[in-house]
C-alpha cells in the first residue's frame, strides 16, 4: 500500500475489523540500505588500517562511520501508527527510539497511553532471518518472538520474494515458550496472503500490532 492510504484489517468472514493509514515509506528503505553500506565500508576501512598498523586513522574512520550512520538514521521520521475500529482509536504503535538503526523498539498501547507490550527488532537480522522480540511492558526481558520459518526461506525471499509471492517466507510466532500462531505471507491453498493466524495465549492486540509492523514495513 502507498504511504497514507487506508489499510483495512478483515475477519475470516471478510467484515472490516480495524483500519490504519499505511506508514511504509521508501525513505526508510533507502536510509537502511545507505546505512548498511556506510557501516560495512567503515568497518572494512578500520580493519584495513589496523592491519596496516595505523591506529589513529583507524579510530577516526570508526568515529566518522558511526557518526554518518547515526545522522542518516536520524533523517528517517519515527513511526506512529493508530489503529481504528470504525472512527474510534483502539490501538497505538509508537516508535520509542529516535533512530531505527541498528535496533528499533516499538511500544504497543491503548489510546489512554497504557502500554500492553513492546516489540524490538535488530536491523542486522535482515542479513539472515528477520526476527522480532516481544518484550515485557516495563523492561527488556523477552517473553516471545516472531521469526521467519527458516534461513533458506528467508534468503529466498530477499532475492525473489518481491517478484513472486510463492518465494515469500512465513513468520512463526512464539509466546511464553509456546507456539502462538503464524503470519502468512506466502499464498496458502486458497490463495490467501497477508493473514494473521493466532492459536495461543498471546494478547490479540499485541499479535495484530506485530503483524501490522511486519506486513506494513518490512521490505
Protein backbone atom coordinates (compact mmCIF):
# COMPACT_ATOMS: atom_id res chain seq x y z
CA UNK A 1 0.00 0.00 0.00
CA UNK A 2 1.20 3.52 -0.79
CA UNK A 3 2.08 5.80 2.08
CA UNK A 4 -1.04 7.38 3.61
CA UNK A 5 -3.58 5.02 2.06
CA UNK A 6 -6.18 3.37 4.29
CA UNK A 7 -5.45 -0.31 5.07
CA UNK A 8 -8.32 -2.49 6.30
CA UNK A 9 -7.87 -5.49 8.60
CA UNK A 10 -10.64 -8.02 7.99
CA UNK A 11 -12.02 -11.05 9.79
CA UNK A 12 -12.30 -14.52 8.22
CA UNK A 13 -15.79 -13.56 7.10
CA UNK A 14 -14.49 -10.51 5.25
CA UNK A 15 -16.00 -8.00 7.65
CA UNK A 16 -13.84 -4.96 8.41
CA UNK A 17 -12.43 -5.05 11.94
CA UNK A 18 -9.75 -2.36 12.08
CA UNK A 19 -8.09 0.16 9.82
CA UNK A 20 -4.96 2.31 9.74
CA UNK A 21 -3.05 4.55 7.37
CA UNK A 22 -0.18 2.92 5.54
CA UNK A 23 3.12 4.03 7.05
CA UNK A 24 5.59 2.26 4.75
CA UNK A 25 7.93 4.76 3.11
CA UNK A 26 10.73 4.42 0.57
CA UNK A 27 12.72 6.88 2.69
CA UNK A 28 13.23 4.31 5.43
CA UNK A 29 14.29 1.58 3.00
CA UNK A 30 16.79 3.86 1.22
CA UNK A 31 18.17 5.07 4.57
CA UNK A 32 18.58 1.48 5.75
CA UNK A 33 20.47 0.45 2.60
CA UNK A 34 22.73 3.51 2.76
CA UNK A 35 23.37 2.99 6.49
CA UNK A 36 24.38 -0.63 5.93
CA UNK A 37 26.69 0.36 3.06
CA UNK A 38 28.33 3.06 5.19
CA UNK A 39 28.68 0.71 8.16
CA UNK A 40 30.19 -2.13 6.12
CA UNK A 41 32.55 0.25 4.31
CA UNK A 42 33.60 1.85 7.58
CA UNK A 43 34.32 -1.49 9.26
CA UNK A 44 36.34 -2.60 6.24
CA UNK A 45 38.37 0.61 6.34
CA UNK A 46 39.00 0.25 10.07
CA UNK A 47 40.23 -3.35 9.68
CA UNK A 48 42.47 -2.38 6.76
CA UNK A 49 44.03 0.48 8.73
CA UNK A 50 44.51 -1.70 11.82
CA UNK A 51 46.29 -4.39 9.82
CA UNK A 52 48.48 -1.63 8.36
CA UNK A 53 49.38 -0.51 11.89
CA UNK A 54 47.75 2.92 11.57
CA UNK A 55 45.85 3.14 14.86
CA UNK A 56 44.85 6.82 14.87
CA UNK A 57 43.40 6.81 11.30
CA UNK A 58 41.52 3.60 12.19
CA UNK A 59 39.94 5.29 15.22
CA UNK A 60 38.99 8.34 13.14
CA UNK A 61 37.48 6.13 10.43
CA UNK A 62 35.41 4.30 13.07
CA UNK A 63 34.13 7.53 14.60
CA UNK A 64 33.27 9.08 11.24
CA UNK A 65 31.46 5.95 10.05
CA UNK A 66 29.44 5.75 13.25
CA UNK A 67 28.55 9.44 13.02
CA UNK A 68 27.37 9.14 9.40
CA UNK A 69 25.26 6.07 10.22
CA UNK A 70 23.55 7.89 13.10
CA UNK A 71 22.91 11.03 11.05
CA UNK A 72 21.41 9.03 8.18
CA UNK A 73 19.17 7.10 10.59
CA UNK A 74 18.00 10.34 12.25
CA UNK A 75 16.72 11.65 8.91
CA UNK A 76 14.04 8.93 8.84
CA UNK A 77 10.76 10.02 10.51
CA UNK A 78 9.74 7.92 13.51
CA UNK A 79 6.80 5.53 13.14
CA UNK A 80 3.48 6.24 14.87
CA UNK A 81 0.50 4.11 13.84
CA UNK A 82 -3.08 4.43 15.09
CA UNK A 83 -5.46 1.54 14.53
CA UNK A 84 -9.17 2.38 14.44
CA UNK A 85 -12.37 0.44 14.95
CA UNK A 86 -14.66 2.47 12.78
CA UNK A 87 -13.81 6.03 13.78
CA UNK A 88 -12.63 5.16 17.30
CA UNK A 89 -8.90 4.64 18.04
CA UNK A 90 -8.28 1.31 19.78
CA UNK A 91 -4.54 0.67 19.49
CA UNK A 92 -1.30 2.63 19.07
CA UNK A 93 2.11 1.57 17.85
CA UNK A 94 4.77 4.14 18.74
CA UNK A 95 8.47 4.01 17.91
CA UNK A 96 10.36 4.66 21.15
CA UNK A 97 13.83 5.25 19.78
CA UNK A 98 14.67 8.29 17.65
CA UNK A 99 16.54 6.13 15.15
CA UNK A 100 15.76 2.72 13.67
CA UNK A 101 19.37 1.60 13.24
CA UNK A 102 20.76 -0.75 14.39
CA UNK A 103 17.94 -1.52 16.88
CA UNK A 104 14.38 -0.22 16.87
CA UNK A 105 11.80 -0.62 19.66
CA UNK A 106 8.05 -0.01 19.46
CA UNK A 107 5.58 0.38 22.32
CA UNK A 108 2.12 -1.09 21.76
CA UNK A 109 -0.58 0.53 23.83
CA UNK A 110 -4.12 1.76 24.17
CA UNK A 111 -5.35 5.28 23.31
CA UNK A 112 -5.10 6.00 27.07
CA UNK A 113 -1.29 5.51 26.82
CA UNK A 114 -1.37 2.18 28.69
CA UNK A 115 1.45 0.01 27.32
CA UNK A 116 0.50 -3.64 26.74
CA UNK A 117 3.83 -4.76 25.27
CA UNK A 118 6.95 -3.82 23.38
CA UNK A 119 8.37 -5.09 20.09
CA UNK A 120 12.04 -4.87 19.21
CA UNK A 121 13.97 -5.65 16.07
CA UNK A 122 17.69 -5.77 15.45
CA UNK A 123 18.27 -4.40 11.96
CA UNK A 124 21.22 -6.77 11.50
CA UNK A 125 18.74 -9.65 11.50
CA UNK A 126 17.95 -8.65 7.92
CA UNK A 127 21.21 -10.31 6.91
CA UNK A 128 19.64 -13.66 7.85
CA UNK A 129 16.23 -14.48 9.29
CA UNK A 130 14.16 -11.45 10.22
CA UNK A 131 13.32 -11.66 13.92
CA UNK A 132 11.21 -9.54 16.27
CA UNK A 133 11.42 -9.90 20.05
CA UNK A 134 8.30 -9.48 22.20
CA UNK A 135 9.24 -7.74 25.45
CA UNK A 136 7.58 -7.13 28.80
CA UNK A 137 5.71 -3.87 29.31
CA UNK A 138 8.19 -2.41 31.81
CA UNK A 139 11.52 -3.94 30.87
CA UNK A 140 13.71 -5.56 28.25
CA UNK A 141 13.01 -9.19 29.16
CA UNK A 142 11.96 -11.19 26.07
CA UNK A 143 8.75 -13.18 26.54
CA UNK A 144 8.31 -14.22 22.93
CA UNK A 145 9.44 -13.69 19.38
CA UNK A 146 8.39 -13.77 15.74
CA UNK A 147 10.88 -15.14 13.21
CA UNK A 148 10.94 -16.33 9.61
CA UNK A 149 10.31 -20.05 9.28
CA UNK A 150 13.81 -20.97 8.05
CA UNK A 151 17.08 -19.46 6.88
CA UNK A 152 16.65 -20.87 3.36
CA UNK A 153 13.19 -19.32 3.03
CA UNK A 154 14.50 -16.02 4.41
CA UNK A 155 17.30 -15.85 1.85
CA UNK A 156 14.95 -16.87 -0.97
CA UNK A 157 12.58 -14.09 -0.01
CA UNK A 158 15.33 -11.47 -0.09
CA UNK A 159 16.20 -12.29 -3.69
CA UNK A 160 12.89 -13.39 -5.22
CA UNK A 161 10.05 -12.72 -2.79
CA UNK A 162 9.14 -9.32 -4.19
CA UNK A 163 8.88 -10.72 -7.72
CA UNK A 164 6.76 -13.77 -6.91
CA UNK A 165 4.71 -14.34 -3.75
CA UNK A 166 5.49 -18.08 -3.86
CA UNK A 167 9.01 -17.25 -2.67
CA UNK A 168 7.84 -15.30 0.37
CA UNK A 169 8.58 -16.60 3.87
CA UNK A 170 6.02 -17.05 6.63
CA UNK A 171 6.56 -15.85 10.19
CA UNK A 172 6.30 -18.16 13.21
CA UNK A 173 5.06 -16.54 16.45
CA UNK A 174 6.23 -17.95 19.78
CA UNK A 175 4.95 -16.62 23.11
CA UNK A 176 5.95 -17.76 26.59
CA UNK A 177 7.75 -20.75 25.11
CA UNK A 178 4.75 -21.98 23.11
CA UNK A 179 3.63 -21.65 19.51
CA UNK A 180 1.15 -18.76 19.28
CA UNK A 181 0.39 -18.59 15.57
CA UNK A 182 1.67 -17.58 12.15
CA UNK A 183 1.85 -14.55 9.89
CA UNK A 184 1.22 -15.93 6.40
CA UNK A 185 2.92 -14.08 3.53
CA UNK A 186 3.11 -16.97 1.06
CA UNK A 187 -0.18 -17.90 -0.70
CA UNK A 188 -1.89 -20.84 1.03
CA UNK A 189 -4.07 -23.50 -0.65
CA UNK A 190 -6.85 -20.91 -1.01
CA UNK A 191 -4.52 -18.27 -2.42
CA UNK A 192 -4.80 -16.07 0.68
CA UNK A 193 -1.82 -13.94 1.70
CA UNK A 194 -1.07 -11.41 4.46
CA UNK A 195 -3.02 -13.42 7.03
CA UNK A 196 -2.59 -13.48 10.81
CA UNK A 197 -3.40 -16.83 12.41
CA UNK A 198 -3.48 -16.72 16.22
CA UNK A 199 -3.64 -20.00 18.11
CA UNK A 200 -2.13 -19.39 21.53
CA UNK A 201 -2.19 -17.32 24.72
CA UNK A 202 -0.76 -14.14 23.20
CA UNK A 203 -2.75 -10.93 23.60
CA UNK A 204 -4.63 -10.49 20.31
CA UNK A 205 -3.88 -6.78 20.30
CA UNK A 206 -0.17 -7.49 20.55
CA UNK A 207 -0.42 -10.04 17.73
CA UNK A 208 -2.24 -7.53 15.50
CA UNK A 209 0.41 -4.88 16.20
CA UNK A 210 3.16 -7.35 15.38
CA UNK A 211 1.51 -8.34 12.09
CA UNK A 212 0.91 -4.67 11.23
CA UNK A 213 4.61 -3.85 11.60
CA UNK A 214 5.81 -6.94 9.72
CA UNK A 215 3.35 -6.75 6.83
CA UNK A 216 3.36 -2.97 6.68
CA UNK A 217 7.04 -2.10 6.99
CA UNK A 218 9.36 -4.99 6.10
CA UNK A 219 10.88 -4.57 2.62
